[in-house]
C-alpha atoms as a PDB file:
ATOM      1  CA  MET A   1       0.000   0.000   0.000  1.00  0.00           C
ATOM      2  CA  LEU A   2       2.973   2.337   0.516  1.00  0.00           C
ATOM      3  CA  LYS A   3       3.836   2.130  -3.192  1.00  0.00           C
ATOM      4  CA  GLU A   4       0.274   3.050  -4.184  1.00  0.00           C
ATOM      5  CA  ALA A   5       0.241   5.970  -1.741  1.00  0.00           C
ATOM      6  CA  PHE A   6       3.573   7.240  -3.073  1.00  0.00           C
ATOM      7  CA  MET A   7       2.448   6.909  -6.710  1.00  0.00           C
ATOM      8  CA  THR A   8      -0.803   8.775  -5.954  1.00  0.00           C
ATOM      9  CA  PHE A   9       1.131  11.569  -4.244  1.00  0.00           C
ATOM     10  CA  VAL A  10       3.609  11.864  -7.129  1.00  0.00           C
ATOM     11  CA  MET A  11       0.882  11.690  -9.786  1.00  0.00           C
ATOM     12  CA  ALA A  12      -0.870  14.656  -8.135  1.00  0.00           C
ATOM     13  CA  MET A  13       2.333  16.702  -8.515  1.00  0.00           C
ATOM     14  CA  LEU A  14       2.374  16.278 -12.298  1.00  0.00           C
ATOM     15  CA  PRO A  15       1.091  19.062 -14.528  1.00  0.00           C
ATOM     16  CA  VAL A  16      -2.094  18.256 -16.457  1.00  0.00           C
ATOM     17  CA  VAL A  17      -2.795  15.087 -14.396  1.00  0.00           C
ATOM     18  CA  GLU A  18      -2.789  16.804 -10.994  1.00  0.00           C
ATOM     19  CA  LEU A  19      -5.436  15.581  -8.548  1.00  0.00           C
ATOM     20  CA  ARG A  20      -8.007  15.041 -11.308  1.00  0.00           C
ATOM     21  CA  GLY A  21      -6.124  11.907 -12.257  1.00  0.00           C
ATOM     22  CA  ALA A  22      -4.495  11.122  -8.931  1.00  0.00           C
ATOM     23  CA  ILE A  23      -7.690  10.680  -6.878  1.00  0.00           C
ATOM     24  CA  PRO A  24      -9.209   8.021  -9.176  1.00  0.00           C
ATOM     25  CA  PHE A  25      -5.763   6.416  -9.611  1.00  0.00           C
ATOM     26  CA  GLY A  26      -5.344   6.071  -5.844  1.00  0.00           C
ATOM     27  CA  VAL A  27      -8.774   4.509  -5.398  1.00  0.00           C
ATOM     28  CA  VAL A  28      -8.274   2.095  -8.302  1.00  0.00           C
ATOM     29  CA  SER A  29      -4.887   1.178  -6.791  1.00  0.00           C
ATOM     30  CA  GLY A  30      -6.573   0.103  -3.568  1.00  0.00           C
ATOM     31  CA  LEU A  31      -6.395   3.212  -1.370  1.00  0.00           C
ATOM     32  CA  SER A  32      -9.499   4.492   0.369  1.00  0.00           C
ATOM     33  CA  ILE A  33     -11.249   7.483  -1.152  1.00  0.00           C
ATOM     34  CA  GLN A  34     -10.233   9.591   1.839  1.00  0.00           C
ATOM     35  CA  ALA A  35      -6.553   8.562   1.629  1.00  0.00           C
ATOM     36  CA  SER A  36      -6.520   9.211  -2.128  1.00  0.00           C
ATOM     37  CA  PHE A  37      -8.080  12.630  -1.549  1.00  0.00           C
ATOM     38  CA  ILE A  38      -5.584  13.659   1.147  1.00  0.00           C
ATOM     39  CA  LEU A  39      -2.514  12.370  -0.719  1.00  0.00           C
ATOM     40  CA  SER A  40      -3.679  14.010  -3.946  1.00  0.00           C
ATOM     41  CA  VAL A  41      -4.345  17.390  -2.353  1.00  0.00           C
ATOM     42  CA  LEU A  42      -0.967  17.369  -0.581  1.00  0.00           C
ATOM     43  CA  GLY A  43       0.868  16.184  -3.698  1.00  0.00           C
ATOM     44  CA  ASN A  44      -0.847  18.799  -5.844  1.00  0.00           C
ATOM     45  CA  LEU A  45       0.148  21.556  -3.407  1.00  0.00           C
ATOM     46  CA  LEU A  46       3.811  20.583  -3.001  1.00  0.00           C
ATOM     47  CA  PRO A  47       5.175  22.181  -6.214  1.00  0.00           C
ATOM     48  CA  VAL A  48       3.070  25.357  -5.936  1.00  0.00           C
ATOM     49  CA  PRO A  49       5.404  27.554  -3.824  1.00  0.00           C
ATOM     50  CA  PHE A  50       8.372  26.615  -6.017  1.00  0.00           C
ATOM     51  CA  LEU A  51       6.410  27.373  -9.180  1.00  0.00           C
ATOM     52  CA  VAL A  52       5.249  30.766  -7.920  1.00  0.00           C
ATOM     53  CA  VAL A  53       8.722  31.798  -6.773  1.00  0.00           C
ATOM     54  CA  PHE A  54      10.894  30.422  -9.583  1.00  0.00           C
ATOM     55  CA  THR A  55       8.728  30.441 -12.737  1.00  0.00           C
ATOM     56  CA  ARG A  56       9.806  33.885 -13.950  1.00  0.00           C
ATOM     57  CA  LYS A  57      13.502  33.171 -13.348  1.00  0.00           C
ATOM     58  CA  VAL A  58      13.303  29.804 -15.099  1.00  0.00           C
ATOM     59  CA  PHE A  59      11.383  31.317 -18.027  1.00  0.00           C
ATOM     60  CA  GLU A  60      14.008  34.043 -18.462  1.00  0.00           C
ATOM     61  CA  TRP A  61      16.813  31.488 -18.374  1.00  0.00           C
ATOM     62  CA  LEU A  62      15.061  29.171 -20.855  1.00  0.00           C
ATOM     63  CA  GLN A  63      14.334  31.995 -23.287  1.00  0.00           C
ATOM     64  CA  SER A  64      18.006  32.904 -23.378  1.00  0.00           C
ATOM     65  CA  LYS A  65      19.080  29.363 -24.354  1.00  0.00           C
ATOM     66  CA  ASN A  66      17.581  28.850 -27.801  1.00  0.00           C
ATOM     67  CA  GLU A  67      14.664  29.579 -30.114  1.00  0.00           C
ATOM     68  CA  TRP A  68      12.830  26.310 -29.457  1.00  0.00           C
ATOM     69  CA  LEU A  69      12.778  26.912 -25.678  1.00  0.00           C
ATOM     70  CA  ARG A  70      11.766  30.524 -26.217  1.00  0.00           C
ATOM     71  CA  LYS A  71       8.714  29.366 -28.189  1.00  0.00           C
ATOM     72  CA  ILE A  72       7.712  26.920 -25.436  1.00  0.00           C
ATOM     73  CA  VAL A  73       7.959  29.678 -22.831  1.00  0.00           C
ATOM     74  CA  GLU A  74       5.920  32.026 -25.006  1.00  0.00           C
ATOM     75  CA  ARG A  75       3.206  29.356 -25.326  1.00  0.00           C
ATOM     76  CA  LEU A  76       3.097  28.930 -21.539  1.00  0.00           C
ATOM     77  CA  GLU A  77       2.961  32.694 -21.034  1.00  0.00           C
ATOM     78  CA  LYS A  78       0.105  32.898 -23.543  1.00  0.00           C
ATOM     79  CA  LYS A  79      -1.758  30.234 -21.539  1.00  0.00           C
ATOM     80  CA  ALA A  80      -1.279  32.307 -18.389  1.00  0.00           C
ATOM     81  CA  ASP A  81      -2.442  35.463 -20.188  1.00  0.00           C
ATOM     82  CA  LYS A  82      -5.595  33.662 -21.323  1.00  0.00           C
ATOM     83  CA  ASN A  83      -6.549  33.040 -17.678  1.00  0.00           C
ATOM     84  CA  LYS A  84      -5.309  36.412 -16.422  1.00  0.00           C
ATOM     85  CA  GLU A  85      -8.640  38.250 -16.707  1.00  0.00           C
ATOM     86  CA  VAL A  86     -10.429  35.879 -14.301  1.00  0.00           C
ATOM     87  CA  VAL A  87      -7.709  36.408 -11.719  1.00  0.00           C
ATOM     88  CA  LEU A  88      -7.414  40.174 -12.175  1.00  0.00           C
ATOM     89  CA  ARG A  89     -11.119  40.767 -11.492  1.00  0.00           C
ATOM     90  CA  SER A  90     -10.709  39.712  -7.902  1.00  0.00           C
ATOM     91  CA  GLU A  91      -7.195  38.474  -7.306  1.00  0.00           C
ATOM     92  CA  PHE A  92      -7.689  36.009  -4.415  1.00  0.00           C
ATOM     93  CA  TRP A  93     -11.095  34.642  -5.413  1.00  0.00           C
ATOM     94  CA  GLY A  94     -10.328  34.717  -9.134  1.00  0.00           C
ATOM     95  CA  LEU A  95      -7.202  32.613  -8.667  1.00  0.00           C
ATOM     96  CA  MET A  96      -9.064  30.239  -6.353  1.00  0.00           C
ATOM     97  CA  ILE A  97     -11.845  29.742  -8.945  1.00  0.00           C
ATOM     98  CA  LEU A  98      -9.301  29.183 -11.727  1.00  0.00           C
ATOM     99  CA  VAL A  99      -7.635  26.443  -9.672  1.00  0.00           C
ATOM    100  CA  ALA A 100     -10.867  24.909  -8.335  1.00  0.00           C
ATOM    101  CA  ILE A 101     -12.558  24.246 -11.669  1.00  0.00           C
ATOM    102  CA  PRO A 102     -11.387  20.741 -12.630  1.00  0.00           C
ATOM    103  CA  LEU A 103     -11.163  21.274 -16.384  1.00  0.00           C
ATOM    104  CA  PRO A 104      -8.233  21.142 -18.813  1.00  0.00           C
ATOM    105  CA  GLY A 105      -6.165  24.320 -18.607  1.00  0.00           C
ATOM    106  CA  THR A 106      -6.962  24.924 -14.946  1.00  0.00           C
ATOM    107  CA  GLY A 107      -5.492  23.603 -11.700  1.00  0.00           C
ATOM    108  CA  ALA A 108      -2.639  24.314  -9.326  1.00  0.00           C
ATOM    109  CA  TRP A 109       0.050  24.459 -12.014  1.00  0.00           C
ATOM    110  CA  THR A 110      -1.914  26.948 -14.102  1.00  0.00           C
ATOM    111  CA  GLY A 111      -2.805  28.939 -10.981  1.00  0.00           C
ATOM    112  CA  ALA A 112       0.848  29.079  -9.925  1.00  0.00           C
ATOM    113  CA  LEU A 113       1.862  30.110 -13.444  1.00  0.00           C
ATOM    114  CA  VAL A 114      -0.734  32.899 -13.489  1.00  0.00           C
ATOM    115  CA  ALA A 115       0.289  34.034  -9.990  1.00  0.00           C
ATOM    116  CA  ALA A 116       3.931  34.172 -11.083  1.00  0.00           C
ATOM    117  CA  MET A 117       3.086  36.100 -14.257  1.00  0.00           C
ATOM    118  CA  LEU A 118       1.071  38.600 -12.194  1.00  0.00           C
ATOM    119  CA  ASN A 119       3.906  38.904  -9.652  1.00  0.00           C
ATOM    120  CA  MET A 120       1.535  37.890  -6.848  1.00  0.00           C
ATOM    121  CA  ARG A 121       3.077  37.681  -3.434  1.00  0.00           C
ATOM    122  CA  LEU A 122       3.535  34.117  -2.203  1.00  0.00           C
ATOM    123  CA  SER A 123       1.599  34.975   0.963  1.00  0.00           C
ATOM    124  CA  ARG A 124      -1.419  35.839  -1.209  1.00  0.00           C
ATOM    125  CA  ALA A 125      -1.076  33.151  -3.881  1.00  0.00           C
ATOM    126  CA  ILE A 126      -0.592  30.083  -1.637  1.00  0.00           C
ATOM    127  CA  PRO A 127      -3.847  30.383   0.363  1.00  0.00           C
ATOM    128  CA  SER A 128      -5.828  31.082  -2.798  1.00  0.00           C
ATOM    129  CA  ILE A 129      -4.321  28.171  -4.725  1.00  0.00           C
ATOM    130  CA  GLY A 130      -4.576  25.929  -1.651  1.00  0.00           C
ATOM    131  CA  LEU A 131      -8.291  26.620  -1.267  1.00  0.00           C
ATOM    132  CA  GLY A 132      -8.765  26.054  -5.003  1.00  0.00           C
ATOM    133  CA  VAL A 133      -6.964  22.689  -4.831  1.00  0.00           C
ATOM    134  CA  LEU A 134      -9.085  21.633  -1.851  1.00  0.00           C
ATOM    135  CA  LEU A 135     -12.287  22.579  -3.701  1.00  0.00           C
ATOM    136  CA  ALA A 136     -11.089  20.846  -6.886  1.00  0.00           C
ATOM    137  CA  GLY A 137     -10.444  17.702  -4.838  1.00  0.00           C
ATOM    138  CA  ILE A 138     -13.929  17.836  -3.359  1.00  0.00           C
ATOM    139  CA  ILE A 139     -15.463  18.389  -6.810  1.00  0.00           C
ATOM    140  CA  VAL A 140     -13.497  15.534  -8.425  1.00  0.00           C
ATOM    141  CA  THR A 141     -14.253  13.155  -5.563  1.00  0.00           C
ATOM    142  CA  THR A 142     -17.944  14.053  -5.533  1.00  0.00           C
ATOM    143  CA  ILE A 143     -18.340  13.709  -9.298  1.00  0.00           C
ATOM    144  CA  THR A 144     -16.412  10.436  -9.352  1.00  0.00           C
ATOM    145  CA  TYR A 145     -17.652   8.713  -6.181  1.00  0.00           C
ATOM    146  CA  GLY A 146     -20.750  10.583  -4.992  1.00  0.00           C
ATOM    147  CA  ALA A 147     -21.528  13.262  -2.432  1.00  0.00           C
ATOM    148  CA  GLY A 148     -20.935  11.085   0.648  1.00  0.00           C
ATOM    149  CA  ALA A 149     -17.572   9.727  -0.482  1.00  0.00           C
ATOM    150  CA  LEU A 150     -15.395  11.941   1.730  1.00  0.00           C
ATOM    151  CA  PHE A 151     -17.440  11.580   4.890  1.00  0.00           C
END
């Protein structure tokens, strides 16, 4: 069971997959719904502070290396710009909603990217993204396993 717990935690850290894939993976692997939820939320949150703090520096470094990397960075920045309006309307709640909606192009990684692009302070971004991840976990678990699954 330790292997399944570790894999669920790691899967939740991955961009795109995040907790949307990690919660069902954990349950299918034999973990309880509650354990899958907790491991997925914690795993999804682990990279967030690093992403918020270092994204701009990493992007600048990558853009200076070659044209191919510059184009990748520009595509990621365009993705962040696309979600910028939602966040700018009401910074904290906008970022939380962006992270909470479990659809492609949303989630903790996108929220951290947007926060970094907007130069949000870590003390403001982390609680907002954290609440969004928690809500996304509740939404995914409820849609997948029913309203009483977490309790």
